């Protein structure tokens, strides 16, 4: 390690040039970089919870929805009645 350290400190231009060339190379690849992120791809599709999640998502248009139903056992619901404050 000591020899490597001494070589680096005695030849800084070589290592700075190498770092610069690596930086230029990686910068030249940026236009071709594609980022794709889909949350569903990260989930284990064979797990029962995820399968249920997919069924609910397909049925109701999304998994983050709440579906409520109001039902009456007797009579009807009077929506137009005013509620006094």
PDB file of N, CA and C in Angstrom:
ATOM      1  N   UNK A   1       0.812  -1.192   0.000  1.00  0.00           N
ATOM      2  CA  UNK A   1       0.000   0.000   0.000  1.00  0.00           C
ATOM      3  C   UNK A   1       0.860   1.263   0.000  1.00  0.00           C
ATOM      4  N   UNK A   2       1.951   1.198   0.725  1.00  0.00           N
ATOM      5  CA  UNK A   2       2.820   2.366   0.803  1.00  0.00           C
ATOM      6  C   UNK A   2       3.408   2.727  -0.542  1.00  0.00           C
ATOM      7  N   UNK A   3       3.746   1.718  -1.350  1.00  0.00           N
ATOM      8  CA  UNK A   3       4.318   1.991  -2.671  1.00  0.00           C
ATOM      9  C   UNK A   3       3.275   2.618  -3.595  1.00  0.00           C
ATOM     10  N   UNK A   4       2.049   2.105  -3.498  1.00  0.00           N
ATOM     11  CA  UNK A   4       0.970   2.665  -4.326  1.00  0.00           C
ATOM     12  C   UNK A   4       0.701   4.112  -3.928  1.00  0.00           C
ATOM     13  N   UNK A   5       0.674   4.360  -2.642  1.00  0.00           N
ATOM     14  CA  UNK A   5       0.457   5.724  -2.155  1.00  0.00           C
ATOM     15  C   UNK A   5       1.560   6.654  -2.644  1.00  0.00           C
ATOM     16  N   UNK A   6       2.768   6.221  -2.544  1.00  0.00           N
ATOM     17  CA  UNK A   6       3.893   7.051  -2.997  1.00  0.00           C
ATOM     18  C   UNK A   6       3.814   7.290  -4.494  1.00  0.00           C
ATOM     19  N   UNK A   7       3.455   6.274  -5.267  1.00  0.00           N
ATOM     20  CA  UNK A   7       3.348   6.420  -6.717  1.00  0.00           C
ATOM     21  C   UNK A   7       2.260   7.428  -7.080  1.00  0.00           C
ATOM     22  N   UNK A   8       1.116   7.341  -6.373  1.00  0.00           N
ATOM     23  CA  UNK A   8       0.014   8.278  -6.643  1.00  0.00           C
ATOM     24  C   UNK A   8       0.451   9.707  -6.331  1.00  0.00           C
ATOM     25  N   UNK A   9       1.103   9.913  -5.209  1.00  0.00           N
ATOM     26  CA  UNK A   9       1.495  11.268  -4.827  1.00  0.00           C
ATOM     27  C   UNK A   9       2.647  11.814  -5.656  1.00  0.00           C
ATOM     28  N   UNK A  10       3.467  10.951  -6.202  1.00  0.00           N
ATOM     29  CA  UNK A  10       4.575  11.425  -7.042  1.00  0.00           C
ATOM     30  C   UNK A  10       4.171  11.601  -8.506  1.00  0.00           C
ATOM     31  N   UNK A  11       3.059  11.017  -8.893  1.00  0.00           N
ATOM     32  CA  UNK A  11       2.574  11.137 -10.275  1.00  0.00           C
ATOM     33  C   UNK A  11       1.103  11.566 -10.286  1.00  0.00           C
ATOM     34  N   UNK A  12       0.772  12.715  -9.749  1.00  0.00           N
ATOM     35  CA  UNK A  12      -0.636  13.122  -9.646  1.00  0.00           C
ATOM     36  C   UNK A  12      -1.285  13.390 -11.006  1.00  0.00           C
ATOM     37  N   UNK A  13      -0.495  13.838 -11.974  1.00  0.00           N
ATOM     38  CA  UNK A  13      -1.082  14.155 -13.282  1.00  0.00           C
ATOM     39  C   UNK A  13      -1.624  12.918 -13.971  1.00  0.00           C
ATOM     40  N   UNK A  14      -0.959  11.788 -13.802  1.00  0.00           N
ATOM     41  CA  UNK A  14      -1.436  10.546 -14.419  1.00  0.00           C
ATOM     42  C   UNK A  14      -2.806  10.171 -13.846  1.00  0.00           C
ATOM     43  N   UNK A  15      -2.941  10.240 -12.517  1.00  0.00           N
ATOM     44  CA  UNK A  15      -4.198   9.856 -11.895  1.00  0.00           C
ATOM     45  C   UNK A  15      -5.297  10.878 -12.135  1.00  0.00           C
ATOM     46  N   UNK A  16      -4.962  12.135 -12.151  1.00  0.00           N
ATOM     47  CA  UNK A  16      -5.958  13.159 -12.484  1.00  0.00           C
ATOM     48  C   UNK A  16      -6.428  13.002 -13.936  1.00  0.00           C
ATOM     49  N   UNK A  17      -5.494  12.671 -14.829  1.00  0.00           N
ATOM     50  CA  UNK A  17      -5.867  12.445 -16.232  1.00  0.00           C
ATOM     51  C   UNK A  17      -6.779  11.224 -16.355  1.00  0.00           C
ATOM     52  N   UNK A  18      -6.468  10.171 -15.592  1.00  0.00           N
ATOM     53  CA  UNK A  18      -7.310   8.965 -15.628  1.00  0.00           C
ATOM     54  C   UNK A  18      -8.713   9.273 -15.108  1.00  0.00           C
ATOM     55  N   UNK A  19      -8.796  10.017 -14.016  1.00  0.00           N
ATOM     56  CA  UNK A  19     -10.103  10.405 -13.469  1.00  0.00           C
ATOM     57  C   UNK A  19     -10.853  11.277 -14.463  1.00  0.00           C
ATOM     58  N   UNK A  20     -10.145  12.215 -15.102  1.00  0.00           N
ATOM     59  CA  UNK A  20     -10.772  13.081 -16.097  1.00  0.00           C
ATOM     60  C   UNK A  20     -11.305  12.275 -17.279  1.00  0.00           C
ATOM     61  N   UNK A  21     -10.499  11.326 -17.769  1.00  0.00           N
ATOM     62  CA  UNK A  21     -10.936  10.504 -18.907  1.00  0.00           C
ATOM     63  C   UNK A  21     -12.133   9.637 -18.544  1.00  0.00           C
ATOM     64  N   UNK A  22     -12.143   9.082 -17.353  1.00  0.00           N
ATOM     65  CA  UNK A  22     -13.319   8.307 -16.904  1.00  0.00           C
ATOM     66  C   UNK A  22     -14.555   9.199 -16.810  1.00  0.00           C
ATOM     67  N   UNK A  23     -14.368  10.398 -16.289  1.00  0.00           N
ATOM     68  CA  UNK A  23     -15.485  11.333 -16.186  1.00  0.00           C
ATOM     69  C   UNK A  23     -16.022  11.697 -17.564  1.00  0.00           C
ATOM     70  N   UNK A  24     -15.157  11.968 -18.512  1.00  0.00           N
ATOM     71  CA  UNK A  24     -15.582  12.291 -19.880  1.00  0.00           C
ATOM     72  C   UNK A  24     -16.299  11.101 -20.509  1.00  0.00           C
ATOM     73  N   UNK A  25     -15.766   9.901 -20.295  1.00  0.00           N
ATOM     74  CA  UNK A  25     -16.409   8.709 -20.854  1.00  0.00           C
ATOM     75  C   UNK A  25     -17.823   8.551 -20.306  1.00  0.00           C
ATOM     76  N   UNK A  26     -17.977   8.613 -18.978  1.00  0.00           N
ATOM     77  CA  UNK A  26     -19.306   8.454 -18.390  1.00  0.00           C
ATOM     78  C   UNK A  26     -20.239   9.600 -18.787  1.00  0.00           C
ATOM     79  N   UNK A  27     -19.718  10.799 -18.915  1.00  0.00           N
ATOM     80  CA  UNK A  27     -20.537  11.932 -19.353  1.00  0.00           C
ATOM     81  C   UNK A  27     -20.998  11.744 -20.799  1.00  0.00           C
ATOM     82  N   UNK A  28     -20.177  11.112 -21.614  1.00  0.00           N
ATOM     83  CA  UNK A  28     -20.573  10.885 -23.008  1.00  0.00           C
ATOM     84  C   UNK A  28     -21.681   9.839 -23.128  1.00  0.00           C
ATOM     85  N   UNK A  29     -21.868   9.024 -22.115  1.00  0.00           N
ATOM     86  CA  UNK A  29     -22.906   7.995 -22.126  1.00  0.00           C
ATOM     87  C   UNK A  29     -24.257   8.516 -21.621  1.00  0.00           C
ATOM     88  N   UNK A  30     -24.280   9.715 -21.050  1.00  0.00           N
ATOM     89  CA  UNK A  30     -25.518  10.254 -20.477  1.00  0.00           C
ATOM     90  C   UNK A  30     -26.655  10.360 -21.496  1.00  0.00           C
ATOM     91  N   UNK A  31     -26.430  10.790 -22.728  1.00  0.00           N
ATOM     92  CA  UNK A  31     -27.557  10.870 -23.666  1.00  0.00           C
ATOM     93  C   UNK A  31     -28.209   9.513 -23.960  1.00  0.00           C
ATOM     94  N   UNK A  32     -27.504   8.435 -23.753  1.00  0.00           N
ATOM     95  CA  UNK A  32     -28.041   7.112 -24.033  1.00  0.00           C
ATOM     96  C   UNK A  32     -28.634   6.441 -22.796  1.00  0.00           C
ATOM     97  N   UNK A  33     -28.600   7.128 -21.694  1.00  0.00           N
ATOM     98  CA  UNK A  33     -29.099   6.582 -20.448  1.00  0.00           C
ATOM     99  C   UNK A  33     -30.617   6.608 -20.447  1.00  0.00           C
ATOM    100  N   UNK A  34     -31.225   5.482 -20.104  1.00  0.00           N
ATOM    101  CA  UNK A  34     -32.685   5.393 -20.002  1.00  0.00           C
ATOM    102  C   UNK A  34     -33.040   4.969 -18.592  1.00  0.00           C
ATOM    103  N   UNK A  35     -33.980   5.675 -18.036  1.00  0.00           N
ATOM    104  CA  UNK A  35     -34.439   5.328 -16.700  1.00  0.00           C
ATOM    105  C   UNK A  35     -35.891   4.882 -16.809  1.00  0.00           C
ATOM    106  N   UNK A  36     -36.163   3.733 -16.265  1.00  0.00           N
ATOM    107  CA  UNK A  36     -37.513   3.195 -16.281  1.00  0.00           C
ATOM    108  C   UNK A  36     -37.820   2.682 -14.892  1.00  0.00           C
ATOM    109  N   UNK A  37     -38.867   3.179 -14.330  1.00  0.00           N
ATOM    110  CA  UNK A  37     -39.227   2.750 -12.988  1.00  0.00           C
ATOM    111  C   UNK A  37     -40.730   2.499 -12.945  1.00  0.00           C
ATOM    112  N   UNK A  38     -41.084   1.271 -12.688  1.00  0.00           N
ATOM    113  CA  UNK A  38     -42.480   0.906 -12.530  1.00  0.00           C
ATOM    114  C   UNK A  38     -42.595   0.174 -11.200  1.00  0.00           C
ATOM    115  N   UNK A  39     -43.416   0.706 -10.323  1.00  0.00           N
ATOM    116  CA  UNK A  39     -43.528   0.142  -8.980  1.00  0.00           C
ATOM    117  C   UNK A  39     -43.949  -1.320  -9.022  1.00  0.00           C
ATOM    118  N   UNK A  40     -44.834  -1.690  -9.930  1.00  0.00           N
ATOM    119  CA  UNK A  40     -45.330  -3.059 -10.007  1.00  0.00           C
ATOM    120  C   UNK A  40     -44.221  -4.050 -10.356  1.00  0.00           C
ATOM    121  N   UNK A  41     -43.212  -3.611 -11.071  1.00  0.00           N
ATOM    122  CA  UNK A  41     -42.104  -4.504 -11.416  1.00  0.00           C
ATOM    123  C   UNK A  41     -41.268  -4.885 -10.201  1.00  0.00           C
ATOM    124  N   UNK A  42     -41.340  -4.100  -9.153  1.00  0.00           N
ATOM    125  CA  UNK A  42     -40.553  -4.367  -7.960  1.00  0.00           C
ATOM    126  C   UNK A  42     -41.224  -5.361  -7.022  1.00  0.00           C
ATOM    127  N   UNK A  43     -42.497  -5.662  -7.249  1.00  0.00           N
ATOM    128  CA  UNK A  43     -43.251  -6.528  -6.358  1.00  0.00           C
ATOM    129  C   UNK A  43     -43.173  -7.983  -6.808  1.00  0.00           C
ATOM    130  N   UNK A  44     -43.161  -8.922  -5.866  1.00  0.00           N
ATOM    131  CA  UNK A  44     -43.160 -10.348  -6.236  1.00  0.00           C
ATOM    132  C   UNK A  44     -44.546 -10.762  -6.742  1.00  0.00           C
ATOM    133  N   UNK A  45     -44.682 -10.946  -8.032  1.00  0.00           N
ATOM    134  CA  UNK A  45     -45.987 -11.151  -8.655  1.00  0.00           C
ATOM    135  C   UNK A  45     -46.656 -12.467  -8.259  1.00  0.00           C
ATOM    136  N   UNK A  46     -45.926 -13.425  -7.741  1.00  0.00           N
ATOM    137  CA  UNK A  46     -46.519 -14.707  -7.364  1.00  0.00           C
ATOM    138  C   UNK A  46     -47.019 -14.731  -5.918  1.00  0.00           C
ATOM    139  N   UNK A  47     -46.758 -13.681  -5.169  1.00  0.00           N
ATOM    140  CA  UNK A  47     -47.209 -13.626  -3.776  1.00  0.00           C
ATOM    141  C   UNK A  47     -48.723 -13.409  -3.736  1.00  0.00           C
ATOM    142  N   UNK A  48     -49.438 -14.091  -2.825  1.00  0.00           N
ATOM    143  CA  UNK A  48     -50.902 -13.958  -2.772  1.00  0.00           C
ATOM    144  C   UNK A  48     -51.383 -12.530  -2.541  1.00  0.00           C
ATOM    145  N   UNK A  49     -50.693 -11.767  -1.722  1.00  0.00           N
ATOM    146  CA  UNK A  49     -51.104 -10.380  -1.483  1.00  0.00           C
ATOM    147  C   UNK A  49     -50.995  -9.542  -2.753  1.00  0.00           C
ATOM    148  N   UNK A  50     -49.962  -9.772  -3.524  1.00  0.00           N
ATOM    149  CA  UNK A  50     -49.764  -9.008  -4.759  1.00  0.00           C
ATOM    150  C   UNK A  50     -50.788  -9.432  -5.802  1.00  0.00           C
ATOM    151  N   UNK A  51     -51.125 -10.711  -5.842  1.00  0.00           N
ATOM    152  CA  UNK A  51     -52.162 -11.169  -6.767  1.00  0.00           C
ATOM    153  C   UNK A  51     -53.502 -10.539  -6.421  1.00  0.00           C
ATOM    154  N   UNK A  52     -53.826 -10.454  -5.124  1.00  0.00           N
ATOM    155  CA  UNK A  52     -55.056  -9.777  -4.701  1.00  0.00           C
ATOM    156  C   UNK A  52     -55.000  -8.296  -5.060  1.00  0.00           C
ATOM    157  N   UNK A  53     -53.860  -7.686  -4.837  1.00  0.00           N
ATOM    158  CA  UNK A  53     -53.670  -6.275  -5.193  1.00  0.00           C
ATOM    159  C   UNK A  53     -53.951  -6.064  -6.690  1.00  0.00           C
ATOM    160  N   UNK A  54     -53.448  -6.952  -7.537  1.00  0.00           N
ATOM    161  CA  UNK A  54     -53.662  -6.828  -8.981  1.00  0.00           C
ATOM    162  C   UNK A  54     -55.126  -7.024  -9.349  1.00  0.00           C
ATOM    163  N   UNK A  55     -55.817  -7.931  -8.682  1.00  0.00           N
ATOM    164  CA  UNK A  55     -57.258  -8.126  -8.946  1.00  0.00           C
ATOM    165  C   UNK A  55     -58.044  -6.882  -8.568  1.00  0.00           C
ATOM    166  N   UNK A  56     -57.758  -6.325  -7.407  1.00  0.00           N
ATOM    167  CA  UNK A  56     -58.467  -5.119  -6.969  1.00  0.00           C
ATOM    168  C   UNK A  56     -58.157  -3.962  -7.908  1.00  0.00           C
ATOM    169  N   UNK A  57     -56.905  -3.847  -8.289  1.00  0.00           N
ATOM    170  CA  UNK A  57     -56.496  -2.766  -9.193  1.00  0.00           C
ATOM    171  C   UNK A  57     -57.211  -2.887 -10.531  1.00  0.00           C
ATOM    172  N   UNK A  58     -57.291  -4.103 -11.066  1.00  0.00           N
ATOM    173  CA  UNK A  58     -57.950  -4.302 -12.357  1.00  0.00           C
ATOM    174  C   UNK A  58     -59.454  -4.100 -12.263  1.00  0.00           C
ATOM    175  N   UNK A  59     -60.045  -4.480 -11.142  1.00  0.00           N
ATOM    176  CA  UNK A  59     -61.500  -4.372 -10.997  1.00  0.00           C
ATOM    177  C   UNK A  59     -61.952  -2.940 -10.757  1.00  0.00           C
ATOM    178  N   UNK A  60     -61.268  -2.223  -9.893  1.00  0.00           N
ATOM    179  CA  UNK A  60     -61.729  -0.902  -9.472  1.00  0.00           C
ATOM    180  C   UNK A  60     -60.917   0.250 -10.048  1.00  0.00           C
ATOM    181  N   UNK A  61     -60.009  -0.017 -10.950  1.00  0.00           N
ATOM    182  CA  UNK A  61     -59.266   1.047 -11.605  1.00  0.00           C
ATOM    183  C   UNK A  61     -58.083   1.557 -10.820  1.00  0.00           C
ATOM    184  N   UNK A  62     -57.760   0.928  -9.742  1.00  0.00           N
ATOM    185  CA  UNK A  62     -56.612   1.321  -8.941  1.00  0.00           C
ATOM    186  C   UNK A  62     -56.696   0.653  -7.593  1.00  0.00           C
ATOM    187  N   UNK A  63     -55.575   0.516  -6.950  1.00  0.00           N
ATOM    188  CA  UNK A  63     -55.554  -0.156  -5.655  1.00  0.00           C
ATOM    189  C   UNK A  63     -55.711   0.823  -4.501  1.00  0.00           C
ATOM    190  N   UNK A  64     -55.641   2.117  -4.762  1.00  0.00           N
ATOM    191  CA  UNK A  64     -55.721   3.111  -3.701  1.00  0.00           C
ATOM    192  C   UNK A  64     -57.089   3.769  -3.640  1.00  0.00           C
ATOM    193  N   UNK A  65     -58.116   3.046  -4.011  1.00  0.00           N
ATOM    194  CA  UNK A  65     -59.475   3.576  -3.996  1.00  0.00           C
ATOM    195  C   UNK A  65     -60.258   2.942  -2.863  1.00  0.00           C
ATOM    196  N   UNK A  66     -61.205   3.691  -2.348  1.00  0.00           N
ATOM    197  CA  UNK A  66     -62.114   3.171  -1.333  1.00  0.00           C
ATOM    198  C   UNK A  66     -63.491   3.118  -1.961  1.00  0.00           C
ATOM    199  N   UNK A  67     -64.119   1.956  -1.904  1.00  0.00           N
ATOM    200  CA  UNK A  67     -65.452   1.771  -2.458  1.00  0.00           C
ATOM    201  C   UNK A  67     -66.409   1.576  -1.298  1.00  0.00           C
ATOM    202  N   UNK A  68     -67.456   2.394  -1.273  1.00  0.00           N
ATOM    203  CA  UNK A  68     -68.435   2.306  -0.192  1.00  0.00           C
ATOM    204  C   UNK A  68     -69.814   2.057  -0.785  1.00  0.00           C
ATOM    205  N   UNK A  69     -70.618   1.334  -0.039  1.00  0.00           N
ATOM    206  CA  UNK A  69     -72.004   1.087  -0.435  1.00  0.00           C
ATOM    207  C   UNK A  69     -72.898   1.380   0.758  1.00  0.00           C
ATOM    208  N   UNK A  70     -74.029   2.001   0.492  1.00  0.00           N
ATOM    209  CA  UNK A  70     -75.016   2.277   1.526  1.00  0.00           C
ATOM    210  C   UNK A  70     -76.228   1.433   1.212  1.00  0.00           C
ATOM    211  N   UNK A  71     -76.626   0.638   2.159  1.00  0.00           N
ATOM    212  CA  UNK A  71     -77.812  -0.191   1.947  1.00  0.00           C
ATOM    213  C   UNK A  71     -78.729  -0.049   3.158  1.00  0.00           C
ATOM    214  N   UNK A  72     -80.011  -0.218   2.914  1.00  0.00           N
ATOM    215  CA  UNK A  72     -81.022  -0.072   3.960  1.00  0.00           C
ATOM    216  C   UNK A  72     -81.754  -1.399   4.088  1.00  0.00           C
ATOM    217  N   UNK A  73     -81.909  -1.860   5.323  1.00  0.00           N
ATOM    218  CA  UNK A  73     -82.631  -3.109   5.534  1.00  0.00           C
ATOM    219  C   UNK A  73     -84.138  -2.893   5.481  1.00  0.00           C
ATOM    220  N   UNK A  74     -84.596  -1.711   5.886  1.00  0.00           N
ATOM    221  CA  UNK A  74     -86.029  -1.446   5.949  1.00  0.00           C
ATOM    222  C   UNK A  74     -86.284  -0.004   5.535  1.00  0.00           C
ATOM    223  N   UNK A  75     -87.235   0.250   4.687  1.00  0.00           N
ATOM    224  CA  UNK A  75     -87.552   1.601   4.258  1.00  0.00           C
ATOM    225  C   UNK A  75     -86.635   2.055   3.134  1.00  0.00           C
ATOM    226  N   UNK A  76     -86.484   3.391   3.042  1.00  0.00           N
ATOM    227  CA  UNK A  76     -85.607   3.944   2.015  1.00  0.00           C
ATOM    228  C   UNK A  76     -84.769   5.071   2.616  1.00  0.00           C
ATOM    229  N   UNK A  77     -83.870   5.576   1.819  1.00  0.00           N
ATOM    230  CA  UNK A  77     -82.986   6.652   2.260  1.00  0.00           C
ATOM    231  C   UNK A  77     -83.551   7.953   1.724  1.00  0.00           C
ATOM    232  N   UNK A  78     -83.832   8.907   2.617  1.00  0.00           N
ATOM    233  CA  UNK A  78     -84.365  10.195   2.223  1.00  0.00           C
ATOM    234  C   UNK A  78     -83.194  11.168   2.138  1.00  0.00           C
ATOM    235  N   UNK A  79     -82.744  11.409   0.926  1.00  0.00           N
ATOM    236  CA  UNK A  79     -81.563  12.241   0.709  1.00  0.00           C
ATOM    237  C   UNK A  79     -81.916  13.728   0.806  1.00  0.00           C
ATOM    238  N   UNK A  80     -83.120  14.120   0.467  1.00  0.00           N
ATOM    239  CA  UNK A  80     -83.480  15.529   0.375  1.00  0.00           C
ATOM    240  C   UNK A  80     -83.900  16.133   1.703  1.00  0.00           C
ATOM    241  N   UNK A  81     -83.920  15.382   2.763  1.00  0.00           N
ATOM    242  CA  UNK A  81     -84.325  15.890   4.067  1.00  0.00           C
ATOM    243  C   UNK A  81     -83.262  16.830   4.612  1.00  0.00           C
ATOM    244  N   UNK A  82     -83.691  17.974   5.127  1.00  0.00           N
ATOM    245  CA  UNK A  82     -82.763  18.919   5.715  1.00  0.00           C
ATOM    246  C   UNK A  82     -82.384  18.472   7.110  1.00  0.00           C
ATOM    247  N   UNK A  83     -81.135  18.663   7.441  1.00  0.00           N
ATOM    248  CA  UNK A  83     -80.671  18.329   8.764  1.00  0.00           C
ATOM    249  C   UNK A  83     -80.461  19.630   9.518  1.00  0.00           C
ATOM    250  N   UNK A  84     -81.203  19.847  10.609  1.00  0.00           N
ATOM    251  CA  UNK A  84     -81.046  21.112  11.367  1.00  0.00           C
ATOM    252  C   UNK A  84     -79.702  21.122  12.096  1.00  0.00           C
ATOM    253  N   UNK A  85     -79.133  22.313  12.162  1.00  0.00           N
ATOM    254  CA  UNK A  85     -77.856  22.475  12.855  1.00  0.00           C
ATOM    255  C   UNK A  85     -78.070  22.845  14.276  1.00  0.00           C
TER     256      UNK A  85
END
